[in-house]
């Protein structure tokens, strides 16, 4: 489906993952039993719905090629990428600190 998917997480949690060499997930991921991701087209809406006004977030770009991603229906019937295991950092191709613009929305980089 997509070559890249995106994970939004608090920066300290992402820094811990970098030190550990893998990402086990945020609280909601652990609770649900899988890591939640968004496509490039879904990322802005995910930020607005679940992270509005939150500072200190990192956006992580992940290459799906080596991962067993499950595409499952969620918000509005859209297919969202889920990973039912830890994310190896070898699949991460980029990460960005997210700033909040004057309008209160997060400023996204150009996503692939």
PDB file of N, CA and C in Angstrom:
ATOM      1  N   UNK A   1       0.830  -1.199   0.000  1.00  0.00           N
ATOM      2  CA  UNK A   1       0.000   0.000   0.000  1.00  0.00           C
ATOM      3  C   UNK A   1       0.871   1.259   0.000  1.00  0.00           C
ATOM      4  N   UNK A   2       1.503   1.524   1.098  1.00  0.00           N
ATOM      5  CA  UNK A   2       2.351   2.703   1.240  1.00  0.00           C
ATOM      6  C   UNK A   2       3.786   2.251   1.483  1.00  0.00           C
ATOM      7  N   UNK A   3       4.740   3.048   1.043  1.00  0.00           N
ATOM      8  CA  UNK A   3       6.136   2.731   1.353  1.00  0.00           C
ATOM      9  C   UNK A   3       6.494   3.194   2.755  1.00  0.00           C
ATOM     10  N   UNK A   4       5.966   4.363   3.148  1.00  0.00           N
ATOM     11  CA  UNK A   4       6.273   4.922   4.458  1.00  0.00           C
ATOM     12  C   UNK A   4       5.004   5.096   5.277  1.00  0.00           C
ATOM     13  N   UNK A   5       5.134   4.846   6.574  1.00  0.00           N
ATOM     14  CA  UNK A   5       4.074   5.128   7.522  1.00  0.00           C
ATOM     15  C   UNK A   5       4.679   5.981   8.631  1.00  0.00           C
ATOM     16  N   UNK A   6       3.822   6.559   9.480  1.00  0.00           N
ATOM     17  CA  UNK A   6       4.292   7.547  10.439  1.00  0.00           C
ATOM     18  C   UNK A   6       3.772   7.269  11.840  1.00  0.00           C
ATOM     19  N   UNK A   7       4.649   7.478  12.813  1.00  0.00           N
ATOM     20  CA  UNK A   7       4.312   7.329  14.225  1.00  0.00           C
ATOM     21  C   UNK A   7       4.529   8.665  14.910  1.00  0.00           C
ATOM     22  N   UNK A   8       3.541   9.072  15.689  1.00  0.00           N
ATOM     23  CA  UNK A   8       3.632  10.290  16.489  1.00  0.00           C
ATOM     24  C   UNK A   8       3.825   9.855  17.934  1.00  0.00           C
ATOM     25  N   UNK A   9       4.849  10.367  18.581  1.00  0.00           N
ATOM     26  CA  UNK A   9       5.023   9.995  19.989  1.00  0.00           C
ATOM     27  C   UNK A   9       5.741  11.112  20.745  1.00  0.00           C
ATOM     28  N   UNK A  10       5.573  11.127  22.067  1.00  0.00           N
ATOM     29  CA  UNK A  10       6.290  12.103  22.880  1.00  0.00           C
ATOM     30  C   UNK A  10       7.802  11.934  22.690  1.00  0.00           C
ATOM     31  N   UNK A  11       8.490  13.040  22.559  1.00  0.00           N
ATOM     32  CA  UNK A  11       9.927  13.009  22.302  1.00  0.00           C
ATOM     33  C   UNK A  11      10.713  12.209  23.344  1.00  0.00           C
ATOM     34  N   UNK A  12      10.445  12.353  24.647  1.00  0.00           N
ATOM     35  CA  UNK A  12      11.212  11.542  25.611  1.00  0.00           C
ATOM     36  C   UNK A  12      11.031  10.040  25.390  1.00  0.00           C
ATOM     37  N   UNK A  13       9.831   9.621  25.012  1.00  0.00           N
ATOM     38  CA  UNK A  13       9.581   8.209  24.739  1.00  0.00           C
ATOM     39  C   UNK A  13      10.372   7.751  23.516  1.00  0.00           C
ATOM     40  N   UNK A  14      10.432   8.603  22.492  1.00  0.00           N
ATOM     41  CA  UNK A  14      11.205   8.260  21.304  1.00  0.00           C
ATOM     42  C   UNK A  14      12.698   8.206  21.627  1.00  0.00           C
ATOM     43  N   UNK A  15      13.183   9.142  22.438  1.00  0.00           N
ATOM     44  CA  UNK A  15      14.599   9.123  22.831  1.00  0.00           C
ATOM     45  C   UNK A  15      14.937   7.838  23.583  1.00  0.00           C
ATOM     46  N   UNK A  16      14.021   7.373  24.436  1.00  0.00           N
ATOM     47  CA  UNK A  16      14.228   6.103  25.133  1.00  0.00           C
ATOM     48  C   UNK A  16      14.324   4.945  24.134  1.00  0.00           C
ATOM     49  N   UNK A  17      13.480   4.985  23.107  1.00  0.00           N
ATOM     50  CA  UNK A  17      13.491   3.930  22.083  1.00  0.00           C
ATOM     51  C   UNK A  17      14.813   3.928  21.326  1.00  0.00           C
ATOM     52  N   UNK A  18      15.311   5.100  21.012  1.00  0.00           N
ATOM     53  CA  UNK A  18      16.593   5.198  20.300  1.00  0.00           C
ATOM     54  C   UNK A  18      17.703   4.589  21.148  1.00  0.00           C
ATOM     55  N   UNK A  19      17.693   4.890  22.435  1.00  0.00           N
ATOM     56  CA  UNK A  19      18.707   4.327  23.333  1.00  0.00           C
ATOM     57  C   UNK A  19      18.565   2.805  23.448  1.00  0.00           C
ATOM     58  N   UNK A  20      17.324   2.328  23.438  1.00  0.00           N
ATOM     59  CA  UNK A  20      17.068   0.890  23.582  1.00  0.00           C
ATOM     60  C   UNK A  20      17.260   0.119  22.278  1.00  0.00           C
ATOM     61  N   UNK A  21      17.234   0.835  21.143  1.00  0.00           N
ATOM     62  CA  UNK A  21      17.393   0.191  19.850  1.00  0.00           C
ATOM     63  C   UNK A  21      16.108  -0.369  19.268  1.00  0.00           C
ATOM     64  N   UNK A  22      14.975  -0.107  19.927  1.00  0.00           N
ATOM     65  CA  UNK A  22      13.670  -0.557  19.435  1.00  0.00           C
ATOM     66  C   UNK A  22      12.578   0.233  20.140  1.00  0.00           C
ATOM     67  N   UNK A  23      11.423   0.308  19.498  1.00  0.00           N
ATOM     68  CA  UNK A  23      10.285   1.031  20.054  1.00  0.00           C
ATOM     69  C   UNK A  23       9.195   0.030  20.390  1.00  0.00           C
ATOM     70  N   UNK A  24       8.854  -0.047  21.661  1.00  0.00           N
ATOM     71  CA  UNK A  24       7.840  -0.987  22.134  1.00  0.00           C
ATOM     72  C   UNK A  24       6.429  -0.414  22.035  1.00  0.00           C
ATOM     73  N   UNK A  25       6.328   0.907  21.859  1.00  0.00           N
ATOM     74  CA  UNK A  25       5.026   1.547  21.755  1.00  0.00           C
ATOM     75  C   UNK A  25       4.768   2.527  22.879  1.00  0.00           C
ATOM     76  N   UNK A  26       3.801   3.401  22.639  1.00  0.00           N
ATOM     77  CA  UNK A  26       3.335   4.346  23.655  1.00  0.00           C
ATOM     78  C   UNK A  26       2.253   3.647  24.475  1.00  0.00           C
ATOM     79  N   UNK A  27       1.737   4.336  25.479  1.00  0.00           N
ATOM     80  CA  UNK A  27       0.723   3.758  26.346  1.00  0.00           C
ATOM     81  C   UNK A  27      -0.463   3.166  25.609  1.00  0.00           C
ATOM     82  N   UNK A  28      -1.009   3.899  24.642  1.00  0.00           N
ATOM     83  CA  UNK A  28      -2.176   3.415  23.886  1.00  0.00           C
ATOM     84  C   UNK A  28      -1.816   2.180  23.064  1.00  0.00           C
ATOM     85  N   UNK A  29      -0.594   2.142  22.551  1.00  0.00           N
ATOM     86  CA  UNK A  29      -0.149   0.985  21.769  1.00  0.00           C
ATOM     87  C   UNK A  29      -0.085  -0.264  22.649  1.00  0.00           C
ATOM     88  N   UNK A  30       0.523  -0.105  23.803  1.00  0.00           N
ATOM     89  CA  UNK A  30       0.666  -1.230  24.728  1.00  0.00           C
ATOM     90  C   UNK A  30      -0.714  -1.708  25.173  1.00  0.00           C
ATOM     91  N   UNK A  31      -1.607  -0.760  25.460  1.00  0.00           N
ATOM     92  CA  UNK A  31      -2.974  -1.098  25.862  1.00  0.00           C
ATOM     93  C   UNK A  31      -3.706  -1.876  24.766  1.00  0.00           C
ATOM     94  N   UNK A  32      -3.553  -1.441  23.510  1.00  0.00           N
ATOM     95  CA  UNK A  32      -4.281  -2.059  22.401  1.00  0.00           C
ATOM     96  C   UNK A  32      -3.600  -3.319  21.854  1.00  0.00           C
ATOM     97  N   UNK A  33      -2.325  -3.510  22.174  1.00  0.00           N
ATOM     98  CA  UNK A  33      -1.628  -4.708  21.724  1.00  0.00           C
ATOM     99  C   UNK A  33      -0.947  -4.570  20.381  1.00  0.00           C
ATOM    100  N   UNK A  34      -0.867  -3.364  19.858  1.00  0.00           N
ATOM    101  CA  UNK A  34      -0.160  -3.109  18.607  1.00  0.00           C
ATOM    102  C   UNK A  34       0.243  -1.644  18.554  1.00  0.00           C
ATOM    103  N   UNK A  35       1.225  -1.335  17.697  1.00  0.00           N
ATOM    104  CA  UNK A  35       1.667   0.043  17.518  1.00  0.00           C
ATOM    105  C   UNK A  35       0.824   0.682  16.421  1.00  0.00           C
ATOM    106  N   UNK A  36       0.229   1.812  16.763  1.00  0.00           N
ATOM    107  CA  UNK A  36      -0.597   2.582  15.835  1.00  0.00           C
ATOM    108  C   UNK A  36       0.297   3.441  14.938  1.00  0.00           C
ATOM    109  N   UNK A  37       0.018   3.433  13.649  1.00  0.00           N
ATOM    110  CA  UNK A  37       0.691   4.303  12.690  1.00  0.00           C
ATOM    111  C   UNK A  37      -0.364   5.003  11.844  1.00  0.00           C
ATOM    112  N   UNK A  38       0.074   5.984  11.081  1.00  0.00           N
ATOM    113  CA  UNK A  38      -0.781   6.661  10.109  1.00  0.00           C
ATOM    114  C   UNK A  38      -0.045   6.729   8.782  1.00  0.00           C
ATOM    115  N   UNK A  39      -0.799   6.835   7.708  1.00  0.00           N
ATOM    116  CA  UNK A  39      -0.193   7.107   6.405  1.00  0.00           C
ATOM    117  C   UNK A  39       0.109   8.601   6.337  1.00  0.00           C
ATOM    118  N   UNK A  40       0.805   9.021   5.308  1.00  0.00           N
ATOM    119  CA  UNK A  40       1.079  10.443   5.123  1.00  0.00           C
ATOM    120  C   UNK A  40      -0.235  11.232   5.068  1.00  0.00           C
ATOM    121  N   UNK A  41      -1.231  10.699   4.373  1.00  0.00           N
ATOM    122  CA  UNK A  41      -2.508  11.383   4.231  1.00  0.00           C
ATOM    123  C   UNK A  41      -3.301  11.430   5.533  1.00  0.00           C
ATOM    124  N   UNK A  42      -3.046  10.525   6.466  1.00  0.00           N
ATOM    125  CA  UNK A  42      -3.794  10.452   7.723  1.00  0.00           C
ATOM    126  C   UNK A  42      -3.125  11.190   8.879  1.00  0.00           C
ATOM    127  N   UNK A  43      -1.864  11.545   8.733  1.00  0.00           N
ATOM    128  CA  UNK A  43      -1.088  12.067   9.849  1.00  0.00           C
ATOM    129  C   UNK A  43      -1.630  13.379  10.409  1.00  0.00           C
ATOM    130  N   UNK A  44      -1.981  14.325   9.575  1.00  0.00           N
ATOM    131  CA  UNK A  44      -2.489  15.614  10.072  1.00  0.00           C
ATOM    132  C   UNK A  44      -3.770  15.423  10.879  1.00  0.00           C
ATOM    133  N   UNK A  45      -4.665  14.574  10.396  1.00  0.00           N
ATOM    134  CA  UNK A  45      -5.911  14.330  11.118  1.00  0.00           C
ATOM    135  C   UNK A  45      -5.641  13.611  12.441  1.00  0.00           C
ATOM    136  N   UNK A  46      -4.723  12.664  12.445  1.00  0.00           N
ATOM    137  CA  UNK A  46      -4.362  11.974  13.684  1.00  0.00           C
ATOM    138  C   UNK A  46      -3.813  12.965  14.706  1.00  0.00           C
ATOM    139  N   UNK A  47      -2.950  13.855  14.256  1.00  0.00           N
ATOM    140  CA  UNK A  47      -2.427  14.891  15.154  1.00  0.00           C
ATOM    141  C   UNK A  47      -3.554  15.739  15.728  1.00  0.00           C
ATOM    142  N   UNK A  48      -4.461  16.195  14.869  1.00  0.00           N
ATOM    143  CA  UNK A  48      -5.551  17.064  15.306  1.00  0.00           C
ATOM    144  C   UNK A  48      -6.490  16.358  16.287  1.00  0.00           C
ATOM    145  N   UNK A  49      -6.774  15.081  16.047  1.00  0.00           N
ATOM    146  CA  UNK A  49      -7.725  14.357  16.887  1.00  0.00           C
ATOM    147  C   UNK A  49      -7.136  13.870  18.208  1.00  0.00           C
ATOM    148  N   UNK A  50      -5.875  13.459  18.185  1.00  0.00           N
ATOM    149  CA  UNK A  50      -5.306  12.805  19.359  1.00  0.00           C
ATOM    150  C   UNK A  50      -4.168  13.561  20.048  1.00  0.00           C
ATOM    151  N   UNK A  51      -3.626  14.591  19.395  1.00  0.00           N
ATOM    152  CA  UNK A  51      -2.467  15.281  19.952  1.00  0.00           C
ATOM    153  C   UNK A  51      -2.599  16.807  19.896  1.00  0.00           C
ATOM    154  N   UNK A  52      -3.801  17.321  19.741  1.00  0.00           N
ATOM    155  CA  UNK A  52      -4.013  18.761  19.585  1.00  0.00           C
ATOM    156  C   UNK A  52      -3.354  19.542  20.723  1.00  0.00           C
ATOM    157  N   UNK A  53      -2.541  20.517  20.339  1.00  0.00           N
ATOM    158  CA  UNK A  53      -1.912  21.406  21.304  1.00  0.00           C
ATOM    159  C   UNK A  53      -0.754  20.813  22.093  1.00  0.00           C
ATOM    160  N   UNK A  54      -0.452  19.543  21.893  1.00  0.00           N
ATOM    161  CA  UNK A  54       0.638  18.914  22.647  1.00  0.00           C
ATOM    162  C   UNK A  54       1.988  19.308  22.069  1.00  0.00           C
ATOM    163  N   UNK A  55       2.850  19.776  22.933  1.00  0.00           N
ATOM    164  CA  UNK A  55       4.221  20.089  22.530  1.00  0.00           C
ATOM    165  C   UNK A  55       5.106  18.894  22.840  1.00  0.00           C
ATOM    166  N   UNK A  56       6.319  18.927  22.326  1.00  0.00           N
ATOM    167  CA  UNK A  56       7.279  17.879  22.636  1.00  0.00           C
ATOM    168  C   UNK A  56       6.982  16.559  21.956  1.00  0.00           C
ATOM    169  N   UNK A  57       6.523  16.644  20.696  1.00  0.00           N
ATOM    170  CA  UNK A  57       6.232  15.431  19.945  1.00  0.00           C
ATOM    171  C   UNK A  57       7.270  15.202  18.857  1.00  0.00           C
ATOM    172  N   UNK A  58       7.514  13.943  18.574  1.00  0.00           N
ATOM    173  CA  UNK A  58       8.384  13.544  17.470  1.00  0.00           C
ATOM    174  C   UNK A  58       7.549  12.763  16.467  1.00  0.00           C
ATOM    175  N   UNK A  59       7.749  13.057  15.192  1.00  0.00           N
ATOM    176  CA  UNK A  59       7.123  12.313  14.109  1.00  0.00           C
ATOM    177  C   UNK A  59       8.194  11.416  13.499  1.00  0.00           C
ATOM    178  N   UNK A  60       7.902  10.133  13.428  1.00  0.00           N
ATOM    179  CA  UNK A  60       8.867   9.144  12.958  1.00  0.00           C
ATOM    180  C   UNK A  60       8.379   8.546  11.639  1.00  0.00           C
ATOM    181  N   UNK A  61       9.245   8.541  10.636  1.00  0.00           N
ATOM    182  CA  UNK A  61       8.934   7.937   9.337  1.00  0.00           C
ATOM    183  C   UNK A  61       9.510   6.527   9.303  1.00  0.00           C
ATOM    184  N   UNK A  62       8.673   5.565   8.923  1.00  0.00           N
ATOM    185  CA  UNK A  62       9.043   4.156   8.948  1.00  0.00           C
ATOM    186  C   UNK A  62       8.842   3.546   7.563  1.00  0.00           C
ATOM    187  N   UNK A  63       9.842   2.826   7.091  1.00  0.00           N
ATOM    188  CA  UNK A  63       9.748   2.093   5.825  1.00  0.00           C
ATOM    189  C   UNK A  63       9.102   0.743   6.118  1.00  0.00           C
ATOM    190  N   UNK A  64       8.004   0.437   5.450  1.00  0.00           N
ATOM    191  CA  UNK A  64       7.242  -0.775   5.745  1.00  0.00           C
ATOM    192  C   UNK A  64       7.855  -2.044   5.142  1.00  0.00           C
ATOM    193  N   UNK A  65       8.859  -1.917   4.285  1.00  0.00           N
ATOM    194  CA  UNK A  65       9.367  -3.054   3.509  1.00  0.00           C
ATOM    195  C   UNK A  65       9.714  -4.282   4.352  1.00  0.00           C
ATOM    196  N   UNK A  66      10.325  -4.074   5.506  1.00  0.00           N
ATOM    197  CA  UNK A  66      10.779  -5.219   6.298  1.00  0.00           C
ATOM    198  C   UNK A  66       9.840  -5.555   7.460  1.00  0.00           C
ATOM    199  N   UNK A  67       8.677  -4.927   7.495  1.00  0.00           N
ATOM    200  CA  UNK A  67       7.764  -5.105   8.625  1.00  0.00           C
ATOM    201  C   UNK A  67       6.505  -5.870   8.229  1.00  0.00           C
ATOM    202  N   UNK A  68       5.916  -6.553   9.172  1.00  0.00           N
ATOM    203  CA  UNK A  68       4.658  -7.263   8.960  1.00  0.00           C
ATOM    204  C   UNK A  68       3.508  -6.355   9.400  1.00  0.00           C
ATOM    205  N   UNK A  69       3.203  -5.391   8.558  1.00  0.00           N
ATOM    206  CA  UNK A  69       2.156  -4.407   8.850  1.00  0.00           C
ATOM    207  C   UNK A  69       0.789  -5.000   8.521  1.00  0.00           C
ATOM    208  N   UNK A  70      -0.134  -4.807   9.439  1.00  0.00           N
ATOM    209  CA  UNK A  70      -1.536  -5.193   9.214  1.00  0.00           C
ATOM    210  C   UNK A  70      -2.324  -3.918   8.933  1.00  0.00           C
ATOM    211  N   UNK A  71      -3.069  -3.919   7.845  1.00  0.00           N
ATOM    212  CA  UNK A  71      -3.895  -2.765   7.479  1.00  0.00           C
ATOM    213  C   UNK A  71      -5.317  -3.055   7.950  1.00  0.00           C
ATOM    214  N   UNK A  72      -5.762  -2.283   8.943  1.00  0.00           N
ATOM    215  CA  UNK A  72      -7.044  -2.571   9.573  1.00  0.00           C
ATOM    216  C   UNK A  72      -7.939  -1.338   9.592  1.00  0.00           C
ATOM    217  N   UNK A  73      -9.237  -1.592   9.418  1.00  0.00           N
ATOM    218  CA  UNK A  73     -10.217  -0.500   9.394  1.00  0.00           C
ATOM    219  C   UNK A  73     -10.296   0.151  10.767  1.00  0.00           C
ATOM    220  N   UNK A  74     -10.348   1.474  10.752  1.00  0.00           N
ATOM    221  CA  UNK A  74     -10.477   2.241  11.980  1.00  0.00           C
ATOM    222  C   UNK A  74     -11.318   3.463  11.671  1.00  0.00           C
ATOM    223  N   UNK A  75     -10.859   4.623  12.084  1.00  0.00           N
ATOM    224  CA  UNK A  75     -11.587   5.880  11.964  1.00  0.00           C
ATOM    225  C   UNK A  75     -12.265   6.022  10.604  1.00  0.00           C
ATOM    226  N   UNK A  76     -13.598   6.060  10.606  1.00  0.00           N
ATOM    227  CA  UNK A  76     -14.349   6.273   9.375  1.00  0.00           C
ATOM    228  C   UNK A  76     -14.177   5.173   8.345  1.00  0.00           C
ATOM    229  N   UNK A  77     -13.756   3.986   8.776  1.00  0.00           N
ATOM    230  CA  UNK A  77     -13.556   2.880   7.844  1.00  0.00           C
ATOM    231  C   UNK A  77     -12.231   2.927   7.099  1.00  0.00           C
ATOM    232  N   UNK A  78     -11.411   3.948   7.371  1.00  0.00           N
ATOM    233  CA  UNK A  78     -10.106   4.034   6.713  1.00  0.00           C
ATOM    234  C   UNK A  78      -9.215   2.884   7.190  1.00  0.00           C
ATOM    235  N   UNK A  79      -8.342   2.425   6.309  1.00  0.00           N
ATOM    236  CA  UNK A  79      -7.363   1.407   6.689  1.00  0.00           C
ATOM    237  C   UNK A  79      -6.149   2.093   7.311  1.00  0.00           C
ATOM    238  N   UNK A  80      -5.810   1.654   8.519  1.00  0.00           N
ATOM    239  CA  UNK A  80      -4.659   2.190   9.230  1.00  0.00           C
ATOM    240  C   UNK A  80      -3.623   1.094   9.409  1.00  0.00           C
ATOM    241  N   UNK A  81      -2.342   1.455   9.348  1.00  0.00           N
ATOM    242  CA  UNK A  81      -1.277   0.477   9.543  1.00  0.00           C
ATOM    243  C   UNK A  81      -1.032   0.203  11.029  1.00  0.00           C
ATOM    244  N   UNK A  82      -0.970  -1.076  11.375  1.00  0.00           N
ATOM    245  CA  UNK A  82      -0.700  -1.508  12.745  1.00  0.00           C
ATOM    246  C   UNK A  82       0.432  -2.523  12.734  1.00  0.00           C
ATOM    247  N   UNK A  83       1.252  -2.474  13.763  1.00  0.00           N
ATOM    248  CA  UNK A  83       2.375  -3.400  13.913  1.00  0.00           C
ATOM    249  C   UNK A  83       2.222  -4.131  15.243  1.00  0.00           C
ATOM    250  N   UNK A  84       2.139  -5.451  15.187  1.00  0.00           N
ATOM    251  CA  UNK A  84       1.901  -6.269  16.366  1.00  0.00           C
ATOM    252  C   UNK A  84       3.184  -6.799  17.000  1.00  0.00           C
ATOM    253  N   UNK A  85       4.236  -6.044  16.901  1.00  0.00           N
ATOM    254  CA  UNK A  85       5.520  -6.373  17.527  1.00  0.00           C
ATOM    255  C   UNK A  85       6.289  -5.082  17.717  1.00  0.00           C
ATOM    256  N   UNK A  86       7.415  -5.141  18.375  1.00  0.00           N
ATOM    257  CA  UNK A  86       8.227  -3.944  18.560  1.00  0.00           C
ATOM    258  C   UNK A  86       8.732  -3.441  17.204  1.00  0.00           C
ATOM    259  N   UNK A  87       8.885  -2.144  17.113  1.00  0.00           N
ATOM    260  CA  UNK A  87       9.414  -1.523  15.898  1.00  0.00           C
ATOM    261  C   UNK A  87      10.940  -1.499  15.975  1.00  0.00           C
ATOM    262  N   UNK A  88      11.620  -2.212  15.071  1.00  0.00           N
ATOM    263  CA  UNK A  88      13.082  -2.130  15.047  1.00  0.00           C
ATOM    264  C   UNK A  88      13.512  -0.784  14.449  1.00  0.00           C
ATOM    265  N   UNK A  89      14.482  -0.173  15.042  1.00  0.00           N
ATOM    266  CA  UNK A  89      14.906   1.153  14.554  1.00  0.00           C
ATOM    267  C   UNK A  89      15.524   1.087  13.165  1.00  0.00           C
ATOM    268  N   UNK A  90      15.893  -0.101  12.716  1.00  0.00           N
ATOM    269  CA  UNK A  90      16.427  -0.246  11.359  1.00  0.00           C
ATOM    270  C   UNK A  90      15.377   0.118  10.303  1.00  0.00           C
ATOM    271  N   UNK A  91      14.098   0.113  10.665  1.00  0.00           N
ATOM    272  CA  UNK A  91      13.029   0.474   9.723  1.00  0.00           C
ATOM    273  C   UNK A  91      12.749   1.976   9.697  1.00  0.00           C
ATOM    274  N   UNK A  92      13.343   2.721  10.607  1.00  0.00           N
ATOM    275  CA  UNK A  92      13.111   4.170  10.694  1.00  0.00           C
ATOM    276  C   UNK A  92      14.022   4.885   9.705  1.00  0.00           C
ATOM    277  N   UNK A  93      13.421   5.722   8.866  1.00  0.00           N
ATOM    278  CA  UNK A  93      14.203   6.433   7.853  1.00  0.00           C
ATOM    279  C   UNK A  93      14.372   7.920   8.152  1.00  0.00           C
ATOM    280  N   UNK A  94      13.542   8.474   9.046  1.00  0.00           N
ATOM    281  CA  UNK A  94      13.653   9.890   9.403  1.00  0.00           C
ATOM    282  C   UNK A  94      12.819  10.152  10.645  1.00  0.00           C
ATOM    283  N   UNK A  95      13.138  11.249  11.332  1.00  0.00           N
ATOM    284  CA  UNK A  95      12.301  11.708  12.441  1.00  0.00           C
ATOM    285  C   UNK A  95      12.416  13.226  12.533  1.00  0.00           C
ATOM    286  N   UNK A  96      11.348  13.831  13.003  1.00  0.00           N
ATOM    287  CA  UNK A  96      11.275  15.286  13.106  1.00  0.00           C
ATOM    288  C   UNK A  96      10.635  15.679  14.431  1.00  0.00           C
ATOM    289  N   UNK A  97      11.142  16.765  15.013  1.00  0.00           N
ATOM    290  CA  UNK A  97      10.484  17.388  16.151  1.00  0.00           C
ATOM    291  C   UNK A  97       9.348  18.232  15.580  1.00  0.00           C
ATOM    292  N   UNK A  98       8.163  18.129  16.151  1.00  0.00           N
ATOM    293  CA  UNK A  98       7.019  18.871  15.636  1.00  0.00           C
ATOM    294  C   UNK A  98       6.807  20.152  16.425  1.00  0.00           C
ATOM    295  N   UNK A  99       6.723  21.243  15.708  1.00  0.00           N
ATOM    296  CA  UNK A  99       6.407  22.542  16.306  1.00  0.00           C
ATOM    297  C   UNK A  99       4.918  22.808  16.115  1.00  0.00           C
ATOM    298  N   UNK A 100       4.408  23.740  16.890  1.00  0.00           N
ATOM    299  CA  UNK A 100       3.009  24.140  16.759  1.00  0.00           C
ATOM    300  C   UNK A 100       2.975  25.528  16.143  1.00  0.00           C
ATOM    301  N   UNK A 101       2.165  25.685  15.097  1.00  0.00           N
ATOM    302  CA  UNK A 101       2.054  26.952  14.400  1.00  0.00           C
ATOM    303  C   UNK A 101       1.163  27.943  15.127  1.00  0.00           C
ATOM    304  N   UNK A 102       1.109  29.150  14.606  1.00  0.00           N
ATOM    305  CA  UNK A 102       0.302  30.214  15.198  1.00  0.00           C
ATOM    306  C   UNK A 102      -1.180  29.845  15.265  1.00  0.00           C
ATOM    307  N   UNK A 103      -1.614  28.974  14.363  1.00  0.00           N
ATOM    308  CA  UNK A 103      -3.021  28.553  14.351  1.00  0.00           C
ATOM    309  C   UNK A 103      -3.307  27.425  15.341  1.00  0.00           C
ATOM    310  N   UNK A 104      -2.271  26.970  16.069  1.00  0.00           N
ATOM    311  CA  UNK A 104      -2.446  25.915  17.052  1.00  0.00           C
ATOM    312  C   UNK A 104      -2.276  24.515  16.496  1.00  0.00           C
ATOM    313  N   UNK A 105      -2.113  24.400  15.184  1.00  0.00           N
ATOM    314  CA  UNK A 105      -1.923  23.089  14.558  1.00  0.00           C
ATOM    315  C   UNK A 105      -0.426  22.783  14.455  1.00  0.00           C
ATOM    316  N   UNK A 106      -0.099  21.496  14.494  1.00  0.00           N
ATOM    317  CA  UNK A 106       1.291  21.089  14.327  1.00  0.00           C
ATOM    318  C   UNK A 106       1.745  21.365  12.899  1.00  0.00           C
ATOM    319  N   UNK A 107       2.995  21.735  12.767  1.00  0.00           N
ATOM    320  CA  UNK A 107       3.587  21.995  11.465  1.00  0.00           C
ATOM    321  C   UNK A 107       4.275  20.703  10.998  1.00  0.00           C
ATOM    322  N   UNK A 108       3.784  20.138   9.918  1.00  0.00           N
ATOM    323  CA  UNK A 108       4.333  18.892   9.401  1.00  0.00           C
ATOM    324  C   UNK A 108       5.394  19.138   8.349  1.00  0.00           C
ATOM    325  N   UNK A 109       6.418  18.281   8.310  1.00  0.00           N
ATOM    326  CA  UNK A 109       7.361  18.332   7.199  1.00  0.00           C
ATOM    327  C   UNK A 109       6.667  17.772   5.960  1.00  0.00           C
ATOM    328  N   UNK A 110       7.305  17.894   4.821  1.00  0.00           N
ATOM    329  CA  UNK A 110       6.785  17.250   3.610  1.00  0.00           C
ATOM    330  C   UNK A 110       6.917  15.748   3.791  1.00  0.00           C
ATOM    331  N   UNK A 111       5.802  15.043   3.691  1.00  0.00           N
ATOM    332  CA  UNK A 111       5.805  13.603   3.907  1.00  0.00           C
ATOM    333  C   UNK A 111       5.752  12.858   2.575  1.00  0.00           C
ATOM    334  N   UNK A 112       6.469  11.742   2.513  1.00  0.00           N
ATOM    335  CA  UNK A 112       6.529  10.953   1.282  1.00  0.00           C
ATOM    336  C   UNK A 112       5.268  10.127   1.108  1.00  0.00           C
TER     337      UNK A 112
END
